[in-house]
């Protein structure tokens, strides 16, 4: 099954890459951009047909390795 894990910095955690992108967008003439947050998307192919089991396994992966839970949150989406 295809699984997508999205990892983002928690609210309140400084995002220097997002700030740099926001500044660059303003410089390029996009003044309407208010805030930019940068994250990462991890696409996985996971063996299994039980959607709930695959979801649980991906959540375990997120907690154990893919996200730093001190400064990041993550979501899991089973795509099918």
N, C-alpha and C. Protein backbone atom coordinates (compact mmCIF):
# COMPACT_ATOMS: atom_id res chain seq x y z
N UNK A 1 0.84 -1.17 0.00
CA UNK A 1 0.00 0.00 0.00
C UNK A 1 0.89 1.25 0.00
N UNK A 2 0.40 2.28 -0.61
CA UNK A 2 1.10 3.57 -0.64
C UNK A 2 0.70 4.37 0.61
N UNK A 3 1.70 4.92 1.27
CA UNK A 3 1.49 5.69 2.48
C UNK A 3 2.28 6.99 2.36
N UNK A 4 1.66 8.08 2.78
CA UNK A 4 2.34 9.38 2.78
C UNK A 4 2.42 9.89 4.22
N UNK A 5 3.64 10.18 4.67
CA UNK A 5 3.87 10.76 5.99
C UNK A 5 4.32 12.20 5.77
N UNK A 6 3.59 13.13 6.35
CA UNK A 6 3.93 14.55 6.25
C UNK A 6 4.46 15.02 7.60
N UNK A 7 5.66 15.58 7.59
CA UNK A 7 6.31 16.03 8.82
C UNK A 7 6.48 17.56 8.74
N UNK A 8 6.02 18.24 9.78
CA UNK A 8 6.10 19.70 9.84
C UNK A 8 6.62 20.12 11.21
N UNK A 9 7.33 21.25 11.24
CA UNK A 9 7.74 21.80 12.52
C UNK A 9 6.51 22.20 13.32
N UNK A 10 6.58 22.04 14.62
CA UNK A 10 5.47 22.44 15.49
C UNK A 10 5.34 23.95 15.46
N UNK A 11 4.12 24.42 15.73
CA UNK A 11 3.89 25.86 15.86
C UNK A 11 4.80 26.40 16.94
N UNK A 12 5.38 27.55 16.69
CA UNK A 12 6.25 28.17 17.67
C UNK A 12 7.72 27.80 17.52
N UNK A 13 8.01 26.77 16.71
CA UNK A 13 9.41 26.41 16.47
C UNK A 13 9.92 27.24 15.31
N UNK A 14 11.06 27.88 15.49
CA UNK A 14 11.65 28.72 14.47
C UNK A 14 11.90 27.92 13.20
N UNK A 15 11.50 28.48 12.05
CA UNK A 15 11.65 27.83 10.75
C UNK A 15 12.49 28.74 9.84
N UNK A 16 13.83 28.71 9.95
CA UNK A 16 14.65 29.61 9.16
C UNK A 16 14.51 29.39 7.65
N UNK A 17 14.31 28.16 7.23
CA UNK A 17 14.13 27.90 5.81
C UNK A 17 12.83 28.52 5.32
N UNK A 18 11.78 28.40 6.10
CA UNK A 18 10.51 29.03 5.74
C UNK A 18 10.63 30.54 5.68
N UNK A 19 11.36 31.13 6.64
CA UNK A 19 11.57 32.58 6.64
C UNK A 19 12.32 33.02 5.39
N UNK A 20 13.34 32.26 5.00
CA UNK A 20 14.12 32.60 3.81
C UNK A 20 13.27 32.52 2.55
N UNK A 21 12.44 31.51 2.46
CA UNK A 21 11.55 31.37 1.30
C UNK A 21 10.54 32.52 1.28
N UNK A 22 9.97 32.84 2.44
CA UNK A 22 9.02 33.95 2.52
C UNK A 22 9.66 35.26 2.07
N UNK A 23 10.88 35.52 2.51
CA UNK A 23 11.60 36.73 2.12
C UNK A 23 11.83 36.74 0.60
N UNK A 24 12.26 35.60 0.06
CA UNK A 24 12.52 35.50 -1.38
C UNK A 24 11.24 35.73 -2.19
N UNK A 25 10.12 35.19 -1.71
CA UNK A 25 8.85 35.40 -2.42
C UNK A 25 8.47 36.87 -2.44
N UNK A 26 8.65 37.56 -1.33
CA UNK A 26 8.36 39.00 -1.30
C UNK A 26 9.26 39.74 -2.27
N UNK A 27 10.56 39.37 -2.29
CA UNK A 27 11.52 40.00 -3.20
C UNK A 27 11.13 39.78 -4.66
N UNK A 28 10.54 38.63 -4.95
CA UNK A 28 10.13 38.30 -6.32
C UNK A 28 8.77 38.89 -6.70
N UNK A 29 8.17 39.64 -5.78
CA UNK A 29 6.91 40.31 -6.12
C UNK A 29 5.66 39.58 -5.69
N UNK A 30 5.75 38.77 -4.67
CA UNK A 30 4.58 38.08 -4.11
C UNK A 30 4.34 38.58 -2.69
N UNK A 31 3.86 39.82 -2.54
CA UNK A 31 3.74 40.42 -1.21
C UNK A 31 2.60 39.84 -0.36
N UNK A 32 1.70 39.10 -0.96
CA UNK A 32 0.55 38.58 -0.23
C UNK A 32 0.85 37.37 0.63
N UNK A 33 2.04 36.82 0.53
CA UNK A 33 2.40 35.64 1.32
C UNK A 33 2.66 36.09 2.76
N UNK A 34 1.90 35.56 3.68
CA UNK A 34 1.99 35.97 5.08
C UNK A 34 3.00 35.15 5.87
N UNK A 35 3.00 33.84 5.68
CA UNK A 35 3.87 32.97 6.47
C UNK A 35 4.20 31.75 5.63
N UNK A 36 5.41 31.26 5.77
CA UNK A 36 5.85 30.06 5.06
C UNK A 36 6.42 29.10 6.08
N UNK A 37 5.96 27.87 6.04
CA UNK A 37 6.50 26.79 6.88
C UNK A 37 6.97 25.69 5.94
N UNK A 38 8.14 25.17 6.20
CA UNK A 38 8.71 24.12 5.37
C UNK A 38 8.66 22.80 6.12
N UNK A 39 8.28 21.76 5.42
CA UNK A 39 8.23 20.42 6.00
C UNK A 39 8.78 19.41 5.02
N UNK A 40 8.46 18.17 5.27
CA UNK A 40 8.90 17.12 4.36
C UNK A 40 7.79 16.10 4.19
N UNK A 41 7.75 15.51 3.00
CA UNK A 41 6.80 14.45 2.69
C UNK A 41 7.61 13.19 2.42
N UNK A 42 7.22 12.11 3.06
CA UNK A 42 7.88 10.83 2.88
C UNK A 42 6.84 9.85 2.34
N UNK A 43 7.04 9.38 1.12
CA UNK A 43 6.15 8.40 0.51
C UNK A 43 6.74 7.01 0.69
N UNK A 44 5.92 6.10 1.17
CA UNK A 44 6.35 4.73 1.45
C UNK A 44 5.48 3.73 0.70
N UNK A 45 6.08 2.64 0.27
CA UNK A 45 5.35 1.47 -0.20
C UNK A 45 5.45 0.44 0.91
N UNK A 46 4.32 0.10 1.51
CA UNK A 46 4.30 -0.81 2.65
C UNK A 46 3.51 -2.06 2.27
N UNK A 47 4.08 -3.22 2.54
CA UNK A 47 3.37 -4.47 2.27
C UNK A 47 2.19 -4.60 3.21
N UNK A 48 1.11 -5.12 2.68
CA UNK A 48 -0.06 -5.37 3.50
C UNK A 48 -1.34 -4.96 2.79
N UNK A 49 -2.44 -5.55 3.22
CA UNK A 49 -3.75 -5.23 2.64
C UNK A 49 -4.71 -4.68 3.69
N UNK A 50 -4.36 -4.82 4.96
CA UNK A 50 -5.20 -4.31 6.05
C UNK A 50 -4.87 -2.83 6.26
N UNK A 51 -5.78 -1.97 5.85
CA UNK A 51 -5.56 -0.52 5.89
C UNK A 51 -5.23 -0.03 7.31
N UNK A 52 -5.94 -0.52 8.29
CA UNK A 52 -5.72 -0.10 9.68
C UNK A 52 -4.34 -0.52 10.17
N UNK A 53 -3.91 -1.72 9.81
CA UNK A 53 -2.59 -2.21 10.23
C UNK A 53 -1.47 -1.41 9.57
N UNK A 54 -1.65 -1.08 8.30
CA UNK A 54 -0.66 -0.28 7.59
C UNK A 54 -0.60 1.13 8.18
N UNK A 55 -1.76 1.70 8.51
CA UNK A 55 -1.82 3.02 9.15
C UNK A 55 -1.05 3.00 10.47
N UNK A 56 -1.30 1.99 11.28
CA UNK A 56 -0.63 1.85 12.58
C UNK A 56 0.87 1.71 12.40
N UNK A 57 1.28 0.88 11.42
CA UNK A 57 2.71 0.68 11.18
C UNK A 57 3.38 1.99 10.76
N UNK A 58 2.72 2.76 9.89
CA UNK A 58 3.28 4.04 9.44
C UNK A 58 3.34 5.05 10.59
N UNK A 59 2.35 5.04 11.47
CA UNK A 59 2.38 5.92 12.64
C UNK A 59 3.55 5.55 13.55
N UNK A 60 3.79 4.26 13.71
CA UNK A 60 4.94 3.81 14.51
C UNK A 60 6.25 4.28 13.87
N UNK A 61 6.33 4.20 12.54
CA UNK A 61 7.53 4.67 11.83
C UNK A 61 7.73 6.16 12.06
N UNK A 62 6.64 6.91 11.99
CA UNK A 62 6.72 8.35 12.20
C UNK A 62 7.24 8.69 13.58
N UNK A 63 6.70 8.00 14.59
CA UNK A 63 7.11 8.24 15.98
C UNK A 63 8.55 7.80 16.23
N UNK A 64 8.93 6.64 15.66
CA UNK A 64 10.24 6.04 15.98
C UNK A 64 11.40 6.63 15.18
N UNK A 65 11.13 7.13 13.95
CA UNK A 65 12.24 7.53 13.11
C UNK A 65 11.99 8.79 12.26
N UNK A 66 10.83 8.89 11.65
CA UNK A 66 10.64 9.89 10.61
C UNK A 66 10.47 11.31 11.14
N UNK A 67 9.99 11.46 12.37
CA UNK A 67 9.78 12.79 12.94
C UNK A 67 10.52 12.92 14.27
N UNK A 68 11.03 14.10 14.53
CA UNK A 68 11.60 14.42 15.83
C UNK A 68 10.47 15.02 16.65
N UNK A 69 9.87 14.23 17.50
CA UNK A 69 8.65 14.64 18.20
C UNK A 69 8.85 15.82 19.14
N UNK A 70 10.08 16.17 19.45
CA UNK A 70 10.33 17.34 20.30
C UNK A 70 9.97 18.61 19.54
N UNK A 71 10.28 18.65 18.24
CA UNK A 71 10.06 19.88 17.45
C UNK A 71 9.14 19.70 16.25
N UNK A 72 8.73 18.46 15.96
CA UNK A 72 7.93 18.21 14.75
C UNK A 72 6.65 17.43 15.08
N UNK A 73 5.64 17.68 14.26
CA UNK A 73 4.41 16.89 14.25
C UNK A 73 4.38 16.14 12.92
N UNK A 74 3.60 15.07 12.87
CA UNK A 74 3.47 14.35 11.61
C UNK A 74 2.04 13.84 11.44
N UNK A 75 1.68 13.64 10.18
CA UNK A 75 0.40 13.02 9.85
C UNK A 75 0.68 11.86 8.91
N UNK A 76 -0.21 10.88 8.92
CA UNK A 76 -0.09 9.70 8.06
C UNK A 76 -1.36 9.60 7.23
N UNK A 77 -1.16 9.36 5.94
CA UNK A 77 -2.28 9.18 5.02
C UNK A 77 -2.04 7.90 4.23
N UNK A 78 -2.95 6.94 4.33
CA UNK A 78 -2.86 5.73 3.52
C UNK A 78 -3.55 6.03 2.21
N UNK A 79 -2.78 5.98 1.12
CA UNK A 79 -3.30 6.37 -0.19
C UNK A 79 -3.94 5.21 -0.94
N UNK A 80 -3.62 4.01 -0.55
CA UNK A 80 -4.23 2.84 -1.20
C UNK A 80 -3.23 1.92 -1.80
